[in-house]
């Protein structure tokens, strides 16, 4: 039998309203695999796509691979045989093609078969191939507790619990930002004396810390595209608003400095659209000369920014877009009001930009050519927030999702609703519900 670290394996739920499946902590024993058939609309729902270059796999592909591998690891007398070719009747290359079509929720089970499978899963090689071939599953990662994170698989509609983070009280109670990139979930916060970033890696199902950006920052805008991510703006530990930006490459674990934006801004939001990075809205500097040119944020030295900026990674240049995110509800650029509100709630699906306006409970779509926003419908019923805080509005593959829910005396619950723009006018589909004592603190979507 193989030796090595254990793996968490998720278990199927019979229906989307069940409580979390939990992760089964297993080294050698196998949990039950997916028992569902695989209709094409389910593949479309969360962006799980196939390439004609890859071997087509029978239905119940997870069970198929596991059964073949289990048989293959024993000879006729039941003795263990060499598994360097993974599934011996197929050979290593075709075995890998089979694994590319398995759900990534089955990878923990597959990794516990033997050392060869475990080494392959932990190397990240399968995820690189999936990314090259356009095979993606999008999972939603969110936190309703200070140090606890959960994952939701919208295609199978099941909940999973990540290992708890271990940190000091300073990080526990600090404001946090989150970002999913490649196979990593990054959570930014404050330690006793400096910024700290905790990284969860799905390959090892564990948290680590120690990563540093070139410029410590909080309240920044960010977005990811495959294995890279960009963070822009925010403020430093002294309250100075930043115009700097950095690019993170999760493949090699490095941060590189990008050219500065035209305007410093904090409490902004970021997205990738048409292969370019956009940073939108936020709080900027009202009168830079008021404090001797300092960029420190003060009550009389700040303003609401309605502009956006787009960064072209090919030319390494920023272009400002005036009035990309106009002020609503007669705020008149009052920064003291805006600083109590969440950054713009925006998301991109198939290179189309959408926004959630929580005050009016509306969903808007951005028209690129005319630089205007058009109302297309309402947010799901019972969507609640505190000035935008406590709800999540994200892109999840080819659909928009909203995570929120009403509070109650027993702690309340959160709902997950989704809409696929390709299906026509805005109609939300209920995906799942979970009891929660708090609202949504942080949320990120990982597609790999």
Protein backbone atom coordinates (compact mmCIF):
# COMPACT_ATOMS: atom_id res chain seq x y z
CA UNK A 1 0.00 0.00 0.00
CA UNK A 2 1.14 3.53 -0.61
CA UNK A 3 2.55 5.78 2.04
CA UNK A 4 2.33 9.50 2.35
CA UNK A 5 0.10 12.37 3.38
CA UNK A 6 -3.65 12.12 3.61
CA UNK A 7 -6.17 13.78 1.34
CA UNK A 8 -9.55 15.32 1.92
CA UNK A 9 -12.24 13.87 -0.29
CA UNK A 10 -15.63 15.45 -0.83
CA UNK A 11 -18.80 13.40 -0.71
CA UNK A 12 -21.90 13.85 -2.86
CA UNK A 13 -25.06 15.37 -1.45
CA UNK A 14 -28.45 13.91 -2.34
CA UNK A 15 -29.94 17.36 -2.88
CA UNK A 16 -28.80 21.00 -2.95
CA UNK A 17 -30.41 21.88 0.40
CA UNK A 18 -28.40 19.39 2.44
CA UNK A 19 -25.92 20.61 4.99
CA UNK A 20 -22.26 20.52 3.99
CA UNK A 21 -20.92 17.15 2.97
CA UNK A 22 -17.74 17.68 4.93
CA UNK A 23 -14.39 16.43 3.81
CA UNK A 24 -13.53 12.83 4.61
CA UNK A 25 -10.01 12.58 5.94
CA UNK A 26 -8.70 9.43 4.24
CA UNK A 27 -5.35 7.96 3.31
CA UNK A 28 -6.09 4.56 1.80
CA UNK A 29 -9.85 4.06 1.87
CA UNK A 30 -12.02 5.40 -0.93
CA UNK A 31 -15.23 7.32 -0.55
CA UNK A 32 -18.11 6.94 -2.92
CA UNK A 33 -17.70 8.70 -6.23
CA UNK A 34 -20.07 10.76 -8.27
CA UNK A 35 -23.18 8.76 -9.19
CA UNK A 36 -24.68 11.24 -11.56
CA UNK A 37 -24.93 11.09 -15.30
CA UNK A 38 -23.41 14.01 -17.08
CA UNK A 39 -25.86 15.97 -19.19
CA UNK A 40 -24.34 18.56 -21.46
CA UNK A 41 -26.23 21.42 -19.81
CA UNK A 42 -24.50 20.66 -16.50
CA UNK A 43 -21.13 20.94 -18.21
CA UNK A 44 -22.15 24.30 -19.63
CA UNK A 45 -23.46 25.57 -16.28
CA UNK A 46 -20.06 25.91 -14.63
CA UNK A 47 -17.74 26.20 -17.58
CA UNK A 48 -16.59 22.57 -17.67
CA UNK A 49 -15.63 22.21 -21.33
CA UNK A 50 -13.97 19.52 -23.40
CA UNK A 51 -11.49 19.53 -26.24
CA UNK A 52 -11.70 17.18 -29.19
CA UNK A 53 -8.01 16.52 -28.74
CA UNK A 54 -8.64 14.65 -25.51
CA UNK A 55 -9.92 11.09 -25.22
CA UNK A 56 -13.68 10.94 -24.63
CA UNK A 57 -14.57 9.28 -21.34
CA UNK A 58 -17.59 7.09 -20.56
CA UNK A 59 -20.28 8.25 -18.15
CA UNK A 60 -19.45 8.02 -14.45
CA UNK A 61 -15.89 8.77 -15.40
CA UNK A 62 -14.69 9.07 -11.82
CA UNK A 63 -15.79 5.52 -10.97
CA UNK A 64 -14.38 4.28 -14.26
CA UNK A 65 -10.91 5.61 -13.56
CA UNK A 66 -10.90 4.45 -9.93
CA UNK A 67 -12.08 0.92 -10.76
CA UNK A 68 -9.58 0.55 -13.56
CA UNK A 69 -6.75 1.80 -11.38
CA UNK A 70 -7.69 -0.42 -8.44
CA UNK A 71 -7.73 -3.49 -10.68
CA UNK A 72 -4.53 -2.41 -12.32
CA UNK A 73 -2.64 -2.16 -9.03
CA UNK A 74 -3.03 -5.89 -8.36
CA UNK A 75 -2.02 -8.96 -10.33
CA UNK A 76 -4.13 -12.10 -10.61
CA UNK A 77 -2.99 -13.23 -7.16
CA UNK A 78 -3.97 -9.90 -5.58
CA UNK A 79 -0.39 -8.67 -5.19
CA UNK A 80 0.59 -5.04 -5.74
CA UNK A 81 2.17 -4.31 -9.11
CA UNK A 82 4.05 -1.33 -10.52
CA UNK A 83 1.72 1.63 -11.21
CA UNK A 84 4.17 3.90 -13.00
CA UNK A 85 1.94 3.80 -16.07
CA UNK A 86 -1.09 4.72 -13.89
CA UNK A 87 -3.78 2.62 -15.63
CA UNK A 88 -1.64 -0.13 -17.21
CA UNK A 89 -4.03 -1.28 -19.98
CA UNK A 90 -4.20 2.31 -21.25
CA UNK A 91 -0.67 3.51 -20.63
CA UNK A 92 0.36 6.77 -18.98
CA UNK A 93 -0.67 9.19 -21.74
CA UNK A 94 -4.19 7.85 -22.17
CA UNK A 95 -4.52 7.55 -18.39
CA UNK A 96 -3.80 11.26 -18.08
CA UNK A 97 -6.36 12.00 -20.79
CA UNK A 98 -8.92 10.10 -18.74
CA UNK A 99 -8.03 12.03 -15.60
CA UNK A 100 -8.40 15.35 -17.40
CA UNK A 101 -12.11 14.60 -17.78
CA UNK A 102 -12.64 13.58 -14.16
CA UNK A 103 -14.10 16.20 -11.86
CA UNK A 104 -11.45 17.79 -9.69
CA UNK A 105 -13.57 16.79 -6.70
CA UNK A 106 -12.53 13.18 -7.50
CA UNK A 107 -8.81 13.98 -7.50
CA UNK A 108 -8.44 13.45 -3.76
CA UNK A 109 -9.83 9.93 -4.08
CA UNK A 110 -7.68 9.19 -7.11
CA UNK A 111 -4.56 10.48 -5.33
CA UNK A 112 -4.99 7.96 -2.51
CA UNK A 113 -4.71 4.97 -4.88
CA UNK A 114 -0.91 4.86 -5.02
CA UNK A 115 2.21 6.98 -5.15
CA UNK A 116 2.09 7.51 -8.91
CA UNK A 117 -1.42 8.94 -8.82
CA UNK A 118 -0.62 11.00 -5.75
CA UNK A 119 2.52 12.45 -7.32
CA UNK A 120 0.64 13.33 -10.49
CA UNK A 121 -2.23 15.05 -8.64
CA UNK A 122 0.05 17.00 -6.30
CA UNK A 123 2.35 18.15 -9.11
CA UNK A 124 -0.34 20.35 -10.62
CA UNK A 125 0.42 18.93 -14.08
CA UNK A 126 -3.22 17.94 -14.69
CA UNK A 127 -4.38 21.48 -13.99
CA UNK A 128 -1.84 22.89 -16.44
CA UNK A 129 -3.13 20.57 -19.14
CA UNK A 130 -6.75 21.38 -18.30
CA UNK A 131 -5.99 25.09 -18.60
CA UNK A 132 -4.28 24.59 -21.98
CA UNK A 133 -7.23 22.57 -23.29
CA UNK A 134 -9.90 24.88 -21.90
CA UNK A 135 -11.22 22.39 -19.34
CA UNK A 136 -12.44 24.26 -16.28
CA UNK A 137 -14.64 23.73 -13.26
CA UNK A 138 -15.52 26.83 -11.29
CA UNK A 139 -15.98 26.52 -7.54
CA UNK A 140 -17.05 29.30 -5.21
CA UNK A 141 -14.92 29.84 -2.10
CA UNK A 142 -16.38 32.00 0.65
CA UNK A 143 -15.99 32.80 4.31
CA UNK A 144 -18.78 33.51 6.79
CA UNK A 145 -16.44 33.05 9.73
CA UNK A 146 -13.26 34.88 10.63
CA UNK A 147 -10.90 31.95 9.97
CA UNK A 148 -13.08 29.38 8.24
CA UNK A 149 -13.60 28.95 4.51
CA UNK A 150 -15.99 26.78 2.57
CA UNK A 151 -16.29 25.78 -1.06
CA UNK A 152 -19.40 25.23 -3.17
CA UNK A 153 -19.46 23.19 -6.36
CA UNK A 154 -22.35 24.64 -8.39
CA UNK A 155 -22.41 21.80 -10.91
CA UNK A 156 -22.86 19.06 -8.32
CA UNK A 157 -24.43 21.48 -5.84
CA UNK A 158 -22.43 20.33 -2.85
CA UNK A 159 -20.67 22.09 -0.01
CA UNK A 160 -17.16 21.43 1.27
CA UNK A 161 -15.24 22.72 4.27
CA UNK A 162 -11.61 23.77 3.99
CA UNK A 163 -9.11 23.30 6.83
CA UNK A 164 -9.24 26.15 9.35
CA UNK A 165 -6.66 28.89 9.12
CA UNK A 166 -4.26 29.26 12.05
CA UNK A 167 -3.27 32.84 12.83
CA UNK A 168 -2.96 35.40 15.58
CA UNK A 169 -5.79 37.66 16.75
CA UNK A 170 -4.47 40.62 14.79
CA UNK A 171 -5.00 38.84 11.47
CA UNK A 172 -8.21 37.23 12.67
CA UNK A 173 -9.96 40.56 13.27
CA UNK A 174 -8.33 42.59 10.49
CA UNK A 175 -10.02 43.59 7.24
CA UNK A 176 -9.32 41.04 4.56
CA UNK A 177 -9.30 40.77 0.78
CA UNK A 178 -9.38 37.49 -1.11
CA UNK A 179 -8.30 36.40 -4.55
CA UNK A 180 -8.35 33.02 -6.35
CA UNK A 181 -5.66 32.46 -8.96
CA UNK A 182 -4.53 29.23 -10.59
CA UNK A 183 -4.94 26.53 -7.94
CA UNK A 184 -4.49 28.96 -5.03
CA UNK A 185 -6.75 31.01 -2.78
CA UNK A 186 -5.00 34.09 -1.37
CA UNK A 187 -6.30 35.89 1.70
CA UNK A 188 -4.73 39.28 2.48
CA UNK A 189 -4.79 40.72 6.00
CA UNK A 190 -2.70 42.39 8.69
CA UNK A 191 -0.30 40.83 11.14
CA UNK A 192 1.03 42.57 14.23
CA UNK A 193 3.53 44.71 12.33
CA UNK A 194 2.91 44.14 8.64
CA UNK A 195 0.74 42.72 5.92
CA UNK A 196 0.38 38.94 5.78
CA UNK A 197 -0.96 36.72 3.00
CA UNK A 198 -2.33 33.27 3.69
CA UNK A 199 -2.37 30.88 0.75
CA UNK A 200 -4.61 27.84 0.41
CA UNK A 201 -3.46 25.34 -2.22
CA UNK A 202 -5.95 22.80 -3.56
CA UNK A 203 -3.06 20.47 -4.46
CA UNK A 204 -2.15 19.97 -0.80
CA UNK A 205 -5.42 21.04 0.86
CA UNK A 206 -3.47 23.19 3.30
CA UNK A 207 -2.76 26.81 4.28
CA UNK A 208 0.66 28.45 4.30
CA UNK A 209 1.83 32.00 4.98
CA UNK A 210 4.91 34.09 4.36
CA UNK A 211 4.23 35.48 0.89
CA UNK A 212 4.82 39.22 0.51
CA UNK A 213 3.86 41.75 -2.14
CA UNK A 214 6.36 44.41 -3.14
CA UNK A 215 4.11 47.09 -1.66
CA UNK A 216 1.92 46.09 1.31
CA UNK A 217 -1.64 47.23 0.65
CA UNK A 218 -5.27 46.78 1.62
CA UNK A 219 -8.65 47.82 0.13
CA UNK A 220 -7.29 47.28 -3.39
CA UNK A 221 -8.88 46.15 -6.63
CA UNK A 222 -7.91 42.75 -8.00
CA UNK A 223 -8.77 40.05 -10.53
CA UNK A 224 -7.24 36.88 -11.94
CA UNK A 225 -6.86 35.38 -15.39
CA UNK A 226 -5.72 31.77 -15.39
CA UNK A 227 -2.47 31.51 -13.47
CA UNK A 228 -1.90 35.28 -13.12
CA UNK A 229 -3.55 37.98 -11.04
CA UNK A 230 -3.23 41.76 -10.75
CA UNK A 231 -3.74 43.90 -7.65
CA UNK A 232 -3.99 47.68 -8.04
CA UNK A 233 -4.44 50.69 -5.80
CA UNK A 234 -5.51 50.40 -2.18
CA UNK A 235 -3.75 52.07 0.70
CA UNK A 236 -0.66 51.35 2.74
CA UNK A 237 -0.31 50.97 6.50
CA UNK A 238 -0.14 54.77 6.97
CA UNK A 239 -3.34 55.43 5.06
CA UNK A 240 -1.69 56.73 1.89
CA UNK A 241 -3.71 55.97 -1.23
CA UNK A 242 -1.74 54.02 -3.80
CA UNK A 243 -1.54 54.20 -7.57
CA UNK A 244 0.85 51.27 -7.84
CA UNK A 245 -0.01 47.83 -9.22
CA UNK A 246 1.54 44.37 -9.18
CA UNK A 247 1.17 41.14 -11.13
CA UNK A 248 1.30 37.75 -9.40
CA UNK A 249 2.29 34.59 -11.25
CA UNK A 250 1.03 31.57 -9.32
CA UNK A 251 3.11 29.16 -11.42
CA UNK A 252 6.38 30.54 -10.05
CA UNK A 253 5.06 32.34 -6.95
CA UNK A 254 6.46 35.79 -7.75
CA UNK A 255 5.14 39.37 -7.70
CA UNK A 256 6.36 41.87 -10.30
CA UNK A 257 5.79 45.62 -10.29
CA UNK A 258 3.63 47.12 -13.03
CA UNK A 259 3.48 50.75 -14.20
CA UNK A 260 1.46 53.06 -11.94
CA UNK A 261 -2.14 53.94 -12.70
CA UNK A 262 -3.00 57.50 -13.66
CA UNK A 263 -4.86 58.07 -10.39
CA UNK A 264 -4.36 56.64 -6.91
CA UNK A 265 -7.51 54.94 -5.60
CA UNK A 266 -8.75 52.68 -2.82
CA UNK A 267 -12.00 50.77 -2.25
CA UNK A 268 -11.98 50.05 -5.99
CA UNK A 269 -12.78 46.84 -7.86
CA UNK A 270 -10.97 44.96 -10.60
CA UNK A 271 -11.95 42.62 -13.44
CA UNK A 272 -10.44 41.10 -16.55
CA UNK A 273 -12.34 41.76 -19.76
CA UNK A 274 -11.20 41.14 -23.35
CA UNK A 275 -7.81 40.07 -22.01
CA UNK A 276 -7.22 43.40 -20.28
CA UNK A 277 -7.35 44.37 -16.60
CA UNK A 278 -9.85 47.03 -15.52
CA UNK A 279 -9.92 48.86 -12.19
CA UNK A 280 -13.14 50.74 -11.54
CA UNK A 281 -14.43 53.35 -9.09
CA UNK A 282 -13.16 53.83 -5.57
CA UNK A 283 -11.99 56.73 -3.42
CA UNK A 284 -9.30 59.06 -4.70
CA UNK A 285 -7.53 62.26 -3.72
CA UNK A 286 -9.59 65.43 -3.74
CA UNK A 287 -6.86 68.02 -3.45
CA UNK A 288 -3.30 66.68 -3.45
CA UNK A 289 -1.87 70.06 -2.42
CA UNK A 290 -4.07 70.33 0.67
CA UNK A 291 -1.56 68.40 2.77
CA UNK A 292 1.62 69.46 1.11
CA UNK A 293 1.20 67.01 -1.74
CA UNK A 294 0.72 63.99 0.48
CA UNK A 295 -1.64 61.27 -0.66
CA UNK A 296 -3.00 60.65 2.81
CA UNK A 297 -6.75 60.17 2.94
CA UNK A 298 -8.57 62.73 5.05
CA UNK A 299 -12.17 63.84 5.38
CA UNK A 300 -11.56 67.01 3.38
CA UNK A 301 -8.97 65.52 1.06
CA UNK A 302 -10.78 62.73 -0.77
CA UNK A 303 -13.41 62.26 -3.43
CA UNK A 304 -15.46 59.56 -5.11
CA UNK A 305 -13.94 58.43 -8.41
CA UNK A 306 -16.30 57.71 -11.29
CA UNK A 307 -13.54 56.84 -13.74
CA UNK A 308 -12.01 53.52 -14.59
CA UNK A 309 -8.63 52.54 -15.93
CA UNK A 310 -7.67 49.69 -18.22
CA UNK A 311 -4.24 48.04 -18.32
CA UNK A 312 -3.00 46.43 -21.53
CA UNK A 313 -0.53 43.69 -20.66
CA UNK A 314 0.95 43.72 -24.17
CA UNK A 315 1.79 47.42 -24.26
CA UNK A 316 2.19 47.74 -20.44
CA UNK A 317 0.18 50.94 -20.45
CA UNK A 318 -2.85 52.32 -18.57
CA UNK A 319 -5.69 54.23 -20.24
CA UNK A 320 -8.21 56.18 -18.19
CA UNK A 321 -11.93 55.84 -18.98
CA UNK A 322 -13.90 58.87 -17.69
CA UNK A 323 -17.33 58.28 -16.11
CA UNK A 324 -17.10 54.51 -16.37
CA UNK A 325 -18.87 54.06 -13.02
CA UNK A 326 -21.09 57.10 -12.45
CA UNK A 327 -22.45 58.14 -9.06
CA UNK A 328 -26.03 57.17 -8.28
CA UNK A 329 -28.60 58.10 -5.68
CA UNK A 330 -27.53 61.71 -5.43
CA UNK A 331 -24.35 61.00 -3.47
CA UNK A 332 -22.77 64.01 -5.20
CA UNK A 333 -19.32 62.60 -4.71
CA UNK A 334 -19.53 62.65 -0.91
CA UNK A 335 -16.47 60.60 0.05
CA UNK A 336 -17.48 60.41 3.72
CA UNK A 337 -20.60 58.50 2.62
CA UNK A 338 -18.79 56.38 0.04
CA UNK A 339 -16.12 55.26 2.50
CA UNK A 340 -18.81 53.41 4.46
CA UNK A 341 -19.92 51.50 1.38
CA UNK A 342 -18.53 48.42 -0.30
CA UNK A 343 -16.40 48.72 -3.45
CA UNK A 344 -18.32 48.39 -6.73
CA UNK A 345 -19.92 44.95 -7.02
CA UNK A 346 -18.96 43.99 -10.57
CA UNK A 347 -18.39 40.77 -12.53
CA UNK A 348 -17.54 39.77 -16.10
CA UNK A 349 -19.18 36.87 -17.95
CA UNK A 350 -18.02 36.15 -21.50
CA UNK A 351 -16.37 39.56 -21.71
CA UNK A 352 -19.54 41.40 -20.69
CA UNK A 353 -19.46 43.57 -17.56
CA UNK A 354 -22.29 43.50 -15.00
CA UNK A 355 -22.84 45.36 -11.74
CA UNK A 356 -25.09 44.94 -8.71
CA UNK A 357 -26.57 48.15 -7.30
CA UNK A 358 -27.66 47.06 -3.84
CA UNK A 359 -29.46 50.32 -2.95
CA UNK A 360 -31.97 49.80 -5.78
CA UNK A 361 -31.67 45.99 -5.73
CA UNK A 362 -30.83 46.15 -9.44
CA UNK A 363 -28.49 44.41 -11.88
CA UNK A 364 -26.95 46.53 -14.65
CA UNK A 365 -25.00 45.73 -17.81
CA UNK A 366 -22.23 47.89 -19.20
CA UNK A 367 -22.33 48.97 -22.83
CA UNK A 368 -18.71 49.31 -23.89
CA UNK A 369 -19.20 51.40 -27.01
CA UNK A 370 -21.42 54.02 -25.43
CA UNK A 371 -19.87 53.85 -21.92
CA UNK A 372 -23.28 53.62 -20.22
CA UNK A 373 -25.01 51.21 -17.85
CA UNK A 374 -28.39 49.65 -18.63
CA UNK A 375 -30.68 48.13 -16.00
CA UNK A 376 -31.54 44.54 -16.94
CA UNK A 377 -33.39 43.29 -13.86
CA UNK A 378 -33.45 42.77 -10.12
CA UNK A 379 -31.23 40.96 -7.65
CA UNK A 380 -32.67 37.75 -6.16
CA UNK A 381 -35.36 38.13 -3.50
CA UNK A 382 -34.14 38.29 0.09
CA UNK A 383 -30.76 39.64 -1.01
CA UNK A 384 -29.52 41.70 1.92
CA UNK A 385 -26.38 43.67 2.70
CA UNK A 386 -25.03 46.51 4.78
CA UNK A 387 -24.18 49.12 2.16
CA UNK A 388 -22.99 46.33 -0.09
CA UNK A 389 -20.99 44.52 2.61
CA UNK A 390 -22.12 40.99 3.40
CA UNK A 391 -23.13 39.88 -0.11
CA UNK A 392 -21.10 38.51 -3.01
CA UNK A 393 -21.65 39.23 -6.70
CA UNK A 394 -19.30 37.12 -8.82
CA UNK A 395 -18.79 35.53 -12.21
CA UNK A 396 -18.66 31.74 -12.06
CA UNK A 397 -17.78 30.41 -15.48
CA UNK A 398 -20.56 31.44 -17.85
CA UNK A 399 -22.97 32.53 -15.13
CA UNK A 400 -23.41 35.26 -12.54
CA UNK A 401 -23.87 34.24 -8.92
CA UNK A 402 -25.18 36.11 -5.89
CA UNK A 403 -24.48 34.88 -2.37
CA UNK A 404 -26.54 36.50 0.35
CA UNK A 405 -29.41 35.83 2.69
CA UNK A 406 -31.67 37.26 5.37
CA UNK A 407 -30.78 37.23 9.03
CA UNK A 408 -32.95 35.58 11.67
CA UNK A 409 -32.97 34.99 15.40
CA UNK A 410 -31.46 31.53 14.95
CA UNK A 411 -28.56 32.90 12.92
CA UNK A 412 -30.14 33.02 9.50
CA UNK A 413 -28.83 31.46 6.31
CA UNK A 414 -27.23 32.30 2.99
CA UNK A 415 -28.61 31.55 -0.46
CA UNK A 416 -26.71 30.99 -3.70
CA UNK A 417 -28.51 32.04 -6.87
CA UNK A 418 -27.24 32.01 -10.45
CA UNK A 419 -28.15 33.34 -13.87
CA UNK A 420 -26.68 32.45 -17.27
CA UNK A 421 -26.86 35.49 -19.57
CA UNK A 422 -26.94 33.17 -22.59
CA UNK A 423 -30.35 31.93 -21.49
CA UNK A 424 -32.10 35.24 -22.11
CA UNK A 425 -33.69 37.74 -19.75
CA UNK A 426 -32.61 37.82 -16.12
CA UNK A 427 -34.14 34.92 -14.21
CA UNK A 428 -32.33 33.67 -11.11
CA UNK A 429 -31.93 29.94 -10.45
CA UNK A 430 -31.66 28.79 -6.85
CA UNK A 431 -28.57 26.60 -6.35
CA UNK A 432 -28.29 26.05 -2.61
CA UNK A 433 -28.81 27.25 0.94
CA UNK A 434 -26.73 26.98 4.07
CA UNK A 435 -27.28 28.01 7.68
CA UNK A 436 -24.86 30.70 8.78
CA UNK A 437 -24.44 32.85 11.84
CA UNK A 438 -22.80 35.65 9.86
CA UNK A 439 -22.94 37.31 6.48
CA UNK A 440 -20.40 36.72 3.73
CA UNK A 441 -17.04 38.25 4.70
CA UNK A 442 -15.05 37.27 1.61
CA UNK A 443 -15.68 35.41 -1.61
CA UNK A 444 -13.62 34.27 -4.60
CA UNK A 445 -14.20 31.97 -7.58
CA UNK A 446 -11.54 29.51 -8.70
CA UNK A 447 -11.69 28.02 -12.19
CA UNK A 448 -9.29 25.18 -12.91
